[in-house]
């Protein structure tokens, strides 16, 4: 597993999202009421950029076709229910935001 510093907490205020790329892996970050979540930024439908969508509480909606996911678990909210996007552990150290990637599970 590797830890990657991706931003400072102040760069991601509550209710906002941002896109990051970690060694070619597209990841979205979302700040939900002060808790930061990391998730695959690629919608399971046609690969739409989830971080460019809408964040309402803990739910992100893909801007391309409206597929919706819970950023906490990656679980699809609307049909087809049961699909998931990957989620990644987030650590906050001295107000810096780190995403932890287990490369063995990405292959």
PDB file of N, CA and C in Angstrom:
ATOM      1  N   UNK A   1       0.848  -1.179   0.000  1.00  0.00           N
ATOM      2  CA  UNK A   1       0.000   0.000   0.000  1.00  0.00           C
ATOM      3  C   UNK A   1       0.890   1.238   0.000  1.00  0.00           C
ATOM      4  N   UNK A   2       0.384   2.259  -0.678  1.00  0.00           N
ATOM      5  CA  UNK A   2       1.103   3.535  -0.734  1.00  0.00           C
ATOM      6  C   UNK A   2       0.172   4.671  -0.328  1.00  0.00           C
ATOM      7  N   UNK A   3       0.749   5.666   0.328  1.00  0.00           N
ATOM      8  CA  UNK A   3      -0.002   6.853   0.735  1.00  0.00           C
ATOM      9  C   UNK A   3       0.445   8.014  -0.146  1.00  0.00           C
ATOM     10  N   UNK A   4      -0.535   8.736  -0.712  1.00  0.00           N
ATOM     11  CA  UNK A   4      -0.257   9.855  -1.602  1.00  0.00           C
ATOM     12  C   UNK A   4      -0.870  11.128  -1.046  1.00  0.00           C
ATOM     13  N   UNK A   5      -0.045  12.163  -0.894  1.00  0.00           N
ATOM     14  CA  UNK A   5      -0.554  13.468  -0.490  1.00  0.00           C
ATOM     15  C   UNK A   5      -1.230  14.093  -1.709  1.00  0.00           C
ATOM     16  N   UNK A   6      -2.520  14.466  -1.570  1.00  0.00           N
ATOM     17  CA  UNK A   6      -3.276  14.938  -2.729  1.00  0.00           C
ATOM     18  C   UNK A   6      -3.716  16.396  -2.633  1.00  0.00           C
ATOM     19  N   UNK A   7      -3.841  16.936  -1.430  1.00  0.00           N
ATOM     20  CA  UNK A   7      -4.213  18.345  -1.282  1.00  0.00           C
ATOM     21  C   UNK A   7      -4.176  18.711   0.196  1.00  0.00           C
ATOM     22  N   UNK A   8      -4.420  19.973   0.467  1.00  0.00           N
ATOM     23  CA  UNK A   8      -4.580  20.465   1.834  1.00  0.00           C
ATOM     24  C   UNK A   8      -6.081  20.500   2.121  1.00  0.00           C
ATOM     25  N   UNK A   9      -6.454  20.225   3.348  1.00  0.00           N
ATOM     26  CA  UNK A   9      -7.874  20.192   3.713  1.00  0.00           C
ATOM     27  C   UNK A   9      -8.609  21.473   3.281  1.00  0.00           C
ATOM     28  N   UNK A  10      -7.945  22.626   3.360  1.00  0.00           N
ATOM     29  CA  UNK A  10      -8.579  23.905   3.018  1.00  0.00           C
ATOM     30  C   UNK A  10      -8.921  24.013   1.531  1.00  0.00           C
ATOM     31  N   UNK A  11      -8.295  23.180   0.690  1.00  0.00           N
ATOM     32  CA  UNK A  11      -8.562  23.208  -0.746  1.00  0.00           C
ATOM     33  C   UNK A  11      -9.823  22.441  -1.127  1.00  0.00           C
ATOM     34  N   UNK A  12     -10.446  21.781  -0.157  1.00  0.00           N
ATOM     35  CA  UNK A  12     -11.638  20.981  -0.412  1.00  0.00           C
ATOM     36  C   UNK A  12     -12.680  21.274   0.670  1.00  0.00           C
ATOM     37  N   UNK A  13     -13.361  22.419   0.546  1.00  0.00           N
ATOM     38  CA  UNK A  13     -14.333  22.782   1.578  1.00  0.00           C
ATOM     39  C   UNK A  13     -15.548  21.848   1.577  1.00  0.00           C
ATOM     40  N   UNK A  14     -16.279  21.789   2.691  1.00  0.00           N
ATOM     41  CA  UNK A  14     -17.475  20.943   2.755  1.00  0.00           C
ATOM     42  C   UNK A  14     -18.423  21.208   1.582  1.00  0.00           C
ATOM     43  N   UNK A  15     -18.932  20.107   1.019  1.00  0.00           N
ATOM     44  CA  UNK A  15     -19.872  20.195  -0.098  1.00  0.00           C
ATOM     45  C   UNK A  15     -19.205  20.245  -1.462  1.00  0.00           C
ATOM     46  N   UNK A  16     -17.872  20.175  -1.493  1.00  0.00           N
ATOM     47  CA  UNK A  16     -17.170  20.267  -2.775  1.00  0.00           C
ATOM     48  C   UNK A  16     -16.533  18.934  -3.159  1.00  0.00           C
ATOM     49  N   UNK A  17     -16.181  18.854  -4.448  1.00  0.00           N
ATOM     50  CA  UNK A  17     -15.472  17.691  -4.976  1.00  0.00           C
ATOM     51  C   UNK A  17     -14.309  18.181  -5.813  1.00  0.00           C
ATOM     52  N   UNK A  18     -13.378  17.260  -6.062  1.00  0.00           N
ATOM     53  CA  UNK A  18     -12.267  17.574  -6.945  1.00  0.00           C
ATOM     54  C   UNK A  18     -11.748  16.280  -7.546  1.00  0.00           C
ATOM     55  N   UNK A  19     -11.127  16.422  -8.704  1.00  0.00           N
ATOM     56  CA  UNK A  19     -10.514  15.299  -9.410  1.00  0.00           C
ATOM     57  C   UNK A  19      -9.030  15.260  -9.105  1.00  0.00           C
ATOM     58  N   UNK A  20      -8.503  14.067  -8.892  1.00  0.00           N
ATOM     59  CA  UNK A  20      -7.059  13.883  -8.783  1.00  0.00           C
ATOM     60  C   UNK A  20      -6.674  12.658  -9.615  1.00  0.00           C
ATOM     61  N   UNK A  21      -5.419  12.618  -9.994  1.00  0.00           N
ATOM     62  CA  UNK A  21      -4.886  11.480 -10.741  1.00  0.00           C
ATOM     63  C   UNK A  21      -3.698  10.954  -9.965  1.00  0.00           C
ATOM     64  N   UNK A  22      -3.745   9.676  -9.610  1.00  0.00           N
ATOM     65  CA  UNK A  22      -2.624   9.062  -8.915  1.00  0.00           C
ATOM     66  C   UNK A  22      -2.060   7.979  -9.824  1.00  0.00           C
ATOM     67  N   UNK A  23      -0.943   8.270 -10.441  1.00  0.00           N
ATOM     68  CA  UNK A  23      -0.282   7.315 -11.345  1.00  0.00           C
ATOM     69  C   UNK A  23      -1.245   6.732 -12.372  1.00  0.00           C
ATOM     70  N   UNK A  24      -2.080   7.589 -12.966  1.00  0.00           N
ATOM     71  CA  UNK A  24      -3.010   7.157 -13.999  1.00  0.00           C
ATOM     72  C   UNK A  24      -4.338   6.647 -13.478  1.00  0.00           C
ATOM     73  N   UNK A  25      -4.510   6.603 -12.172  1.00  0.00           N
ATOM     74  CA  UNK A  25      -5.759   6.150 -11.565  1.00  0.00           C
ATOM     75  C   UNK A  25      -6.641   7.371 -11.288  1.00  0.00           C
ATOM     76  N   UNK A  26      -7.804   7.490 -11.973  1.00  0.00           N
ATOM     77  CA  UNK A  26      -8.678   8.649 -11.757  1.00  0.00           C
ATOM     78  C   UNK A  26      -9.464   8.503 -10.453  1.00  0.00           C
ATOM     79  N   UNK A  27      -9.309   9.501  -9.591  1.00  0.00           N
ATOM     80  CA  UNK A  27      -9.952   9.463  -8.278  1.00  0.00           C
ATOM     81  C   UNK A  27     -10.693  10.772  -8.041  1.00  0.00           C
ATOM     82  N   UNK A  28     -11.888  10.654  -7.482  1.00  0.00           N
ATOM     83  CA  UNK A  28     -12.650  11.810  -7.054  1.00  0.00           C
ATOM     84  C   UNK A  28     -12.540  11.945  -5.545  1.00  0.00           C
ATOM     85  N   UNK A  29     -12.502  13.177  -5.086  1.00  0.00           N
ATOM     86  CA  UNK A  29     -12.534  13.461  -3.654  1.00  0.00           C
ATOM     87  C   UNK A  29     -13.798  14.237  -3.361  1.00  0.00           C
ATOM     88  N   UNK A  30     -14.440  13.930  -2.256  1.00  0.00           N
ATOM     89  CA  UNK A  30     -15.641  14.658  -1.847  1.00  0.00           C
ATOM     90  C   UNK A  30     -15.546  14.969  -0.364  1.00  0.00           C
ATOM     91  N   UNK A  31     -15.895  16.208  -0.005  1.00  0.00           N
ATOM     92  CA  UNK A  31     -15.950  16.605   1.394  1.00  0.00           C
ATOM     93  C   UNK A  31     -17.410  16.632   1.802  1.00  0.00           C
ATOM     94  N   UNK A  32     -17.793  15.673   2.640  1.00  0.00           N
ATOM     95  CA  UNK A  32     -19.170  15.565   3.115  1.00  0.00           C
ATOM     96  C   UNK A  32     -19.188  15.972   4.586  1.00  0.00           C
ATOM     97  N   UNK A  33     -19.648  17.185   4.854  1.00  0.00           N
ATOM     98  CA  UNK A  33     -19.754  17.719   6.205  1.00  0.00           C
ATOM     99  C   UNK A  33     -18.456  17.558   6.996  1.00  0.00           C
ATOM    100  N   UNK A  34     -17.320  17.811   6.330  1.00  0.00           N
ATOM    101  CA  UNK A  34     -16.027  17.778   6.996  1.00  0.00           C
ATOM    102  C   UNK A  34     -15.278  16.463   6.889  1.00  0.00           C
ATOM    103  N   UNK A  35     -15.932  15.419   6.420  1.00  0.00           N
ATOM    104  CA  UNK A  35     -15.267  14.132   6.215  1.00  0.00           C
ATOM    105  C   UNK A  35     -14.953  13.984   4.735  1.00  0.00           C
ATOM    106  N   UNK A  36     -13.711  13.636   4.436  1.00  0.00           N
ATOM    107  CA  UNK A  36     -13.286  13.529   3.041  1.00  0.00           C
ATOM    108  C   UNK A  36     -13.270  12.066   2.617  1.00  0.00           C
ATOM    109  N   UNK A  37     -13.877  11.821   1.458  1.00  0.00           N
ATOM    110  CA  UNK A  37     -13.960  10.483   0.889  1.00  0.00           C
ATOM    111  C   UNK A  37     -13.250  10.469  -0.459  1.00  0.00           C
ATOM    112  N   UNK A  38     -12.651   9.314  -0.794  1.00  0.00           N
ATOM    113  CA  UNK A  38     -12.001   9.122  -2.088  1.00  0.00           C
ATOM    114  C   UNK A  38     -12.681   7.947  -2.783  1.00  0.00           C
ATOM    115  N   UNK A  39     -12.924   8.117  -4.081  1.00  0.00           N
ATOM    116  CA  UNK A  39     -13.657   7.097  -4.839  1.00  0.00           C
ATOM    117  C   UNK A  39     -13.208   7.117  -6.290  1.00  0.00           C
ATOM    118  N   UNK A  40     -13.465   6.032  -6.997  1.00  0.00           N
ATOM    119  CA  UNK A  40     -13.151   5.983  -8.421  1.00  0.00           C
ATOM    120  C   UNK A  40     -13.908   7.098  -9.123  1.00  0.00           C
ATOM    121  N   UNK A  41     -13.214   7.859  -9.954  1.00  0.00           N
ATOM    122  CA  UNK A  41     -13.847   8.984 -10.639  1.00  0.00           C
ATOM    123  C   UNK A  41     -14.472   8.566 -11.972  1.00  0.00           C
ATOM    124  N   UNK A  42     -14.596   7.279 -12.184  1.00  0.00           N
ATOM    125  CA  UNK A  42     -15.111   6.775 -13.454  1.00  0.00           C
ATOM    126  C   UNK A  42     -16.430   6.039 -13.223  1.00  0.00           C
ATOM    127  N   UNK A  43     -17.521   6.595 -13.748  1.00  0.00           N
ATOM    128  CA  UNK A  43     -18.844   5.991 -13.602  1.00  0.00           C
ATOM    129  C   UNK A  43     -18.849   4.604 -14.249  1.00  0.00           C
ATOM    130  N   UNK A  44     -19.545   3.667 -13.629  1.00  0.00           N
ATOM    131  CA  UNK A  44     -19.613   2.299 -14.149  1.00  0.00           C
ATOM    132  C   UNK A  44     -20.410   2.204 -15.449  1.00  0.00           C
ATOM    133  N   UNK A  45     -21.207   3.216 -15.762  1.00  0.00           N
ATOM    134  CA  UNK A  45     -22.027   3.170 -16.970  1.00  0.00           C
ATOM    135  C   UNK A  45     -21.189   3.365 -18.227  1.00  0.00           C
ATOM    136  N   UNK A  46     -20.666   4.579 -18.412  1.00  0.00           N
ATOM    137  CA  UNK A  46     -19.856   4.863 -19.597  1.00  0.00           C
ATOM    138  C   UNK A  46     -18.593   5.645 -19.265  1.00  0.00           C
ATOM    139  N   UNK A  47     -18.176   5.569 -17.998  1.00  0.00           N
ATOM    140  CA  UNK A  47     -16.917   6.198 -17.611  1.00  0.00           C
ATOM    141  C   UNK A  47     -16.981   7.687 -17.365  1.00  0.00           C
ATOM    142  N   UNK A  48     -18.166   8.222 -17.144  1.00  0.00           N
ATOM    143  CA  UNK A  48     -18.312   9.654 -16.899  1.00  0.00           C
ATOM    144  C   UNK A  48     -17.518  10.103 -15.683  1.00  0.00           C
ATOM    145  N   UNK A  49     -17.058  11.359 -15.685  1.00  0.00           N
ATOM    146  CA  UNK A  49     -16.245  11.895 -14.583  1.00  0.00           C
ATOM    147  C   UNK A  49     -17.113  12.279 -13.387  1.00  0.00           C
ATOM    148  N   UNK A  50     -17.179  11.421 -12.391  1.00  0.00           N
ATOM    149  CA  UNK A  50     -18.082  11.648 -11.262  1.00  0.00           C
ATOM    150  C   UNK A  50     -17.791  12.948 -10.522  1.00  0.00           C
ATOM    151  N   UNK A  51     -16.523  13.329 -10.407  1.00  0.00           N
ATOM    152  CA  UNK A  51     -16.202  14.557  -9.670  1.00  0.00           C
ATOM    153  C   UNK A  51     -16.691  15.810 -10.389  1.00  0.00           C
ATOM    154  N   UNK A  52     -17.107  15.672 -11.648  1.00  0.00           N
ATOM    155  CA  UNK A  52     -17.695  16.794 -12.386  1.00  0.00           C
ATOM    156  C   UNK A  52     -19.212  16.809 -12.237  1.00  0.00           C
ATOM    157  N   UNK A  53     -19.735  15.859 -11.477  1.00  0.00           N
ATOM    158  CA  UNK A  53     -21.180  15.760 -11.278  1.00  0.00           C
ATOM    159  C   UNK A  53     -21.640  16.584 -10.092  1.00  0.00           C
ATOM    160  N   UNK A  54     -22.753  16.164  -9.526  1.00  0.00           N
ATOM    161  CA  UNK A  54     -23.378  16.879  -8.412  1.00  0.00           C
ATOM    162  C   UNK A  54     -23.220  16.066  -7.136  1.00  0.00           C
ATOM    163  N   UNK A  55     -22.811  16.735  -6.052  1.00  0.00           N
ATOM    164  CA  UNK A  55     -22.698  16.117  -4.734  1.00  0.00           C
ATOM    165  C   UNK A  55     -23.818  16.663  -3.862  1.00  0.00           C
ATOM    166  N   UNK A  56     -24.681  15.775  -3.391  1.00  0.00           N
ATOM    167  CA  UNK A  56     -25.730  16.143  -2.438  1.00  0.00           C
ATOM    168  C   UNK A  56     -25.565  15.218  -1.247  1.00  0.00           C
ATOM    169  N   UNK A  57     -25.215  15.819  -0.107  1.00  0.00           N
ATOM    170  CA  UNK A  57     -24.858  15.074   1.096  1.00  0.00           C
ATOM    171  C   UNK A  57     -23.775  14.065   0.738  1.00  0.00           C
ATOM    172  N   UNK A  58     -24.032  12.770   0.828  1.00  0.00           N
ATOM    173  CA  UNK A  58     -23.017  11.750   0.551  1.00  0.00           C
ATOM    174  C   UNK A  58     -23.236  11.046  -0.789  1.00  0.00           C
ATOM    175  N   UNK A  59     -24.035  11.657  -1.660  1.00  0.00           N
ATOM    176  CA  UNK A  59     -24.378  11.048  -2.942  1.00  0.00           C
ATOM    177  C   UNK A  59     -23.828  11.867  -4.101  1.00  0.00           C
ATOM    178  N   UNK A  60     -23.136  11.187  -5.019  1.00  0.00           N
ATOM    179  CA  UNK A  60     -22.621  11.848  -6.220  1.00  0.00           C
ATOM    180  C   UNK A  60     -23.405  11.323  -7.416  1.00  0.00           C
ATOM    181  N   UNK A  61     -23.771  12.254  -8.309  1.00  0.00           N
ATOM    182  CA  UNK A  61     -24.508  11.901  -9.520  1.00  0.00           C
ATOM    183  C   UNK A  61     -23.642  12.186 -10.738  1.00  0.00           C
ATOM    184  N   UNK A  62     -23.509  11.193 -11.603  1.00  0.00           N
ATOM    185  CA  UNK A  62     -22.705  11.340 -12.809  1.00  0.00           C
ATOM    186  C   UNK A  62     -23.329  12.391 -13.730  1.00  0.00           C
ATOM    187  N   UNK A  63     -22.510  13.294 -14.265  1.00  0.00           N
ATOM    188  CA  UNK A  63     -23.058  14.349 -15.119  1.00  0.00           C
ATOM    189  C   UNK A  63     -23.490  13.849 -16.500  1.00  0.00           C
ATOM    190  N   UNK A  64     -23.079  12.662 -16.894  1.00  0.00           N
ATOM    191  CA  UNK A  64     -23.409  12.191 -18.237  1.00  0.00           C
ATOM    192  C   UNK A  64     -24.802  11.583 -18.334  1.00  0.00           C
ATOM    193  N   UNK A  65     -25.137  10.666 -17.426  1.00  0.00           N
ATOM    194  CA  UNK A  65     -26.419   9.965 -17.547  1.00  0.00           C
ATOM    195  C   UNK A  65     -27.149   9.776 -16.224  1.00  0.00           C
ATOM    196  N   UNK A  66     -26.673  10.435 -15.170  1.00  0.00           N
ATOM    197  CA  UNK A  66     -27.416  10.450 -13.917  1.00  0.00           C
ATOM    198  C   UNK A  66     -27.248   9.249 -13.001  1.00  0.00           C
ATOM    199  N   UNK A  67     -26.305   8.360 -13.276  1.00  0.00           N
ATOM    200  CA  UNK A  67     -26.088   7.267 -12.343  1.00  0.00           C
ATOM    201  C   UNK A  67     -25.590   7.851 -11.025  1.00  0.00           C
ATOM    202  N   UNK A  68     -26.022   7.270  -9.909  1.00  0.00           N
ATOM    203  CA  UNK A  68     -25.788   7.847  -8.594  1.00  0.00           C
ATOM    204  C   UNK A  68     -25.115   6.839  -7.663  1.00  0.00           C
ATOM    205  N   UNK A  69     -24.134   7.330  -6.907  1.00  0.00           N
ATOM    206  CA  UNK A  69     -23.366   6.475  -5.997  1.00  0.00           C
ATOM    207  C   UNK A  69     -23.213   7.136  -4.630  1.00  0.00           C
ATOM    208  N   UNK A  70     -23.082   6.295  -3.596  1.00  0.00           N
ATOM    209  CA  UNK A  70     -22.758   6.756  -2.256  1.00  0.00           C
ATOM    210  C   UNK A  70     -21.232   6.844  -2.168  1.00  0.00           C
ATOM    211  N   UNK A  71     -20.688   8.036  -1.902  1.00  0.00           N
ATOM    212  CA  UNK A  71     -19.228   8.205  -1.878  1.00  0.00           C
ATOM    213  C   UNK A  71     -18.588   7.493  -0.688  1.00  0.00           C
ATOM    214  N   UNK A  72     -19.381   7.161   0.312  1.00  0.00           N
ATOM    215  CA  UNK A  72     -18.838   6.470   1.487  1.00  0.00           C
ATOM    216  C   UNK A  72     -18.546   5.002   1.203  1.00  0.00           C
ATOM    217  N   UNK A  73     -19.414   4.363   0.440  1.00  0.00           N
ATOM    218  CA  UNK A  73     -19.291   2.921   0.194  1.00  0.00           C
ATOM    219  C   UNK A  73     -19.021   2.571  -1.268  1.00  0.00           C
ATOM    220  N   UNK A  74     -19.299   3.511  -2.179  1.00  0.00           N
ATOM    221  CA  UNK A  74     -19.178   3.238  -3.603  1.00  0.00           C
ATOM    222  C   UNK A  74     -20.396   2.565  -4.192  1.00  0.00           C
ATOM    223  N   UNK A  75     -21.385   2.263  -3.376  1.00  0.00           N
ATOM    224  CA  UNK A  75     -22.564   1.519  -3.815  1.00  0.00           C
ATOM    225  C   UNK A  75     -23.480   2.377  -4.682  1.00  0.00           C
ATOM    226  N   UNK A  76     -23.983   1.777  -5.755  1.00  0.00           N
ATOM    227  CA  UNK A  76     -24.949   2.446  -6.626  1.00  0.00           C
ATOM    228  C   UNK A  76     -26.258   2.648  -5.862  1.00  0.00           C
ATOM    229  N   UNK A  77     -26.833   3.839  -5.995  1.00  0.00           N
ATOM    230  CA  UNK A  77     -28.050   4.186  -5.259  1.00  0.00           C
ATOM    231  C   UNK A  77     -29.309   3.867  -6.064  1.00  0.00           C
ATOM    232  N   UNK A  78     -29.258   4.093  -7.355  1.00  0.00           N
ATOM    233  CA  UNK A  78     -30.422   3.838  -8.215  1.00  0.00           C
ATOM    234  C   UNK A  78     -30.088   2.681  -9.152  1.00  0.00           C
ATOM    235  N   UNK A  79     -31.103   2.035  -9.719  1.00  0.00           N
ATOM    236  CA  UNK A  79     -30.829   0.893 -10.603  1.00  0.00           C
ATOM    237  C   UNK A  79     -29.804   1.259 -11.665  1.00  0.00           C
ATOM    238  N   UNK A  80     -28.874   0.357 -11.919  1.00  0.00           N
ATOM    239  CA  UNK A  80     -28.800  -1.000 -11.360  1.00  0.00           C
ATOM    240  C   UNK A  80     -28.137  -1.028  -9.982  1.00  0.00           C
ATOM    241  N   UNK A  81     -28.941  -1.237  -8.958  1.00  0.00           N
ATOM    242  CA  UNK A  81     -28.443  -1.324  -7.584  1.00  0.00           C
ATOM    243  C   UNK A  81     -27.544  -2.549  -7.473  1.00  0.00           C
ATOM    244  N   UNK A  82     -26.492  -2.428  -6.698  1.00  0.00           N
ATOM    245  CA  UNK A  82     -25.571  -3.539  -6.506  1.00  0.00           C
ATOM    246  C   UNK A  82     -24.231  -3.304  -7.160  1.00  0.00           C
ATOM    247  N   UNK A  83     -24.193  -2.438  -8.161  1.00  0.00           N
ATOM    248  CA  UNK A  83     -22.906  -2.074  -8.747  1.00  0.00           C
ATOM    249  C   UNK A  83     -22.177  -1.175  -7.768  1.00  0.00           C
ATOM    250  N   UNK A  84     -20.867  -1.206  -7.832  1.00  0.00           N
ATOM    251  CA  UNK A  84     -20.055  -0.357  -6.959  1.00  0.00           C
ATOM    252  C   UNK A  84     -18.916   0.269  -7.748  1.00  0.00           C
ATOM    253  N   UNK A  85     -18.504   1.433  -7.273  1.00  0.00           N
ATOM    254  CA  UNK A  85     -17.244   2.016  -7.712  1.00  0.00           C
ATOM    255  C   UNK A  85     -16.265   1.794  -6.564  1.00  0.00           C
ATOM    256  N   UNK A  86     -14.994   1.785  -6.882  1.00  0.00           N
ATOM    257  CA  UNK A  86     -13.977   1.592  -5.842  1.00  0.00           C
ATOM    258  C   UNK A  86     -13.948   2.794  -4.901  1.00  0.00           C
ATOM    259  N   UNK A  87     -13.659   2.532  -3.652  1.00  0.00           N
ATOM    260  CA  UNK A  87     -13.422   3.593  -2.672  1.00  0.00           C
ATOM    261  C   UNK A  87     -12.034   3.363  -2.077  1.00  0.00           C
ATOM    262  N   UNK A  88     -11.452   4.434  -1.553  1.00  0.00           N
ATOM    263  CA  UNK A  88     -10.080   4.383  -1.055  1.00  0.00           C
ATOM    264  C   UNK A  88     -10.002   5.036   0.321  1.00  0.00           C
ATOM    265  N   UNK A  89      -9.169   4.487   1.210  1.00  0.00           N
ATOM    266  CA  UNK A  89      -8.991   5.112   2.520  1.00  0.00           C
ATOM    267  C   UNK A  89      -8.374   6.512   2.385  1.00  0.00           C
ATOM    268  N   UNK A  90      -8.832   7.404   3.247  1.00  0.00           N
ATOM    269  CA  UNK A  90      -8.309   8.773   3.306  1.00  0.00           C
ATOM    270  C   UNK A  90      -7.751   8.995   4.699  1.00  0.00           C
ATOM    271  N   UNK A  91      -6.578   9.603   4.766  1.00  0.00           N
ATOM    272  CA  UNK A  91      -5.969   9.968   6.037  1.00  0.00           C
ATOM    273  C   UNK A  91      -5.695  11.466   6.021  1.00  0.00           C
ATOM    274  N   UNK A  92      -5.926  12.101   7.154  1.00  0.00           N
ATOM    275  CA  UNK A  92      -5.622  13.522   7.315  1.00  0.00           C
ATOM    276  C   UNK A  92      -4.462  13.621   8.303  1.00  0.00           C
ATOM    277  N   UNK A  93      -3.358  14.191   7.840  1.00  0.00           N
ATOM    278  CA  UNK A  93      -2.178  14.355   8.689  1.00  0.00           C
ATOM    279  C   UNK A  93      -1.751  15.815   8.605  1.00  0.00           C
ATOM    280  N   UNK A  94      -1.806  16.516   9.727  1.00  0.00           N
ATOM    281  CA  UNK A  94      -1.465  17.944   9.780  1.00  0.00           C
ATOM    282  C   UNK A  94      -2.234  18.737   8.724  1.00  0.00           C
ATOM    283  N   UNK A  95      -3.504  18.450   8.568  1.00  0.00           N
ATOM    284  CA  UNK A  95      -4.411  19.092   7.614  1.00  0.00           C
ATOM    285  C   UNK A  95      -4.070  18.815   6.151  1.00  0.00           C
ATOM    286  N   UNK A  96      -3.144  17.910   5.886  1.00  0.00           N
ATOM    287  CA  UNK A  96      -2.902  17.449   4.529  1.00  0.00           C
ATOM    288  C   UNK A  96      -3.736  16.189   4.296  1.00  0.00           C
ATOM    289  N   UNK A  97      -4.289  16.061   3.089  1.00  0.00           N
ATOM    290  CA  UNK A  97      -5.148  14.940   2.739  1.00  0.00           C
ATOM    291  C   UNK A  97      -4.328  13.914   1.969  1.00  0.00           C
ATOM    292  N   UNK A  98      -4.368  12.681   2.434  1.00  0.00           N
ATOM    293  CA  UNK A  98      -3.663  11.572   1.796  1.00  0.00           C
ATOM    294  C   UNK A  98      -4.681  10.511   1.373  1.00  0.00           C
ATOM    295  N   UNK A  99      -4.455   9.916   0.221  1.00  0.00           N
ATOM    296  CA  UNK A  99      -5.251   8.780  -0.236  1.00  0.00           C
ATOM    297  C   UNK A  99      -4.337   7.570  -0.217  1.00  0.00           C
ATOM    298  N   UNK A 100      -4.855   6.463   0.293  1.00  0.00           N
ATOM    299  CA  UNK A 100      -4.084   5.223   0.399  1.00  0.00           C
ATOM    300  C   UNK A 100      -4.546   4.279  -0.707  1.00  0.00           C
ATOM    301  N   UNK A 101      -3.590   3.809  -1.493  1.00  0.00           N
ATOM    302  CA  UNK A 101      -3.889   2.898  -2.611  1.00  0.00           C
ATOM    303  C   UNK A 101      -3.214   1.560  -2.361  1.00  0.00           C
ATOM    304  N   UNK A 102      -4.002   0.505  -2.457  1.00  0.00           N
ATOM    305  CA  UNK A 102      -3.476  -0.861  -2.401  1.00  0.00           C
ATOM    306  C   UNK A 102      -3.387  -1.331  -3.841  1.00  0.00           C
ATOM    307  N   UNK A 103      -2.219  -1.205  -4.431  1.00  0.00           N
ATOM    308  CA  UNK A 103      -2.056  -1.512  -5.851  1.00  0.00           C
ATOM    309  C   UNK A 103      -2.362  -2.961  -6.171  1.00  0.00           C
ATOM    310  N   UNK A 104      -2.206  -3.856  -5.207  1.00  0.00           N
ATOM    311  CA  UNK A 104      -2.486  -5.272  -5.494  1.00  0.00           C
ATOM    312  C   UNK A 104      -3.963  -5.505  -5.760  1.00  0.00           C
ATOM    313  N   UNK A 105      -4.826  -4.670  -5.193  1.00  0.00           N
ATOM    314  CA  UNK A 105      -6.271  -4.833  -5.447  1.00  0.00           C
ATOM    315  C   UNK A 105      -6.719  -4.067  -6.692  1.00  0.00           C
ATOM    316  N   UNK A 106      -5.850  -3.237  -7.258  1.00  0.00           N
ATOM    317  CA  UNK A 106      -6.187  -2.471  -8.465  1.00  0.00           C
ATOM    318  C   UNK A 106      -5.878  -3.253  -9.721  1.00  0.00           C
ATOM    319  N   UNK A 107      -5.141  -4.314  -9.629  1.00  0.00           N
ATOM    320  CA  UNK A 107      -4.745  -5.075 -10.831  1.00  0.00           C
ATOM    321  C   UNK A 107      -5.662  -6.248 -11.080  1.00  0.00           C
TER     322      UNK A 107
END
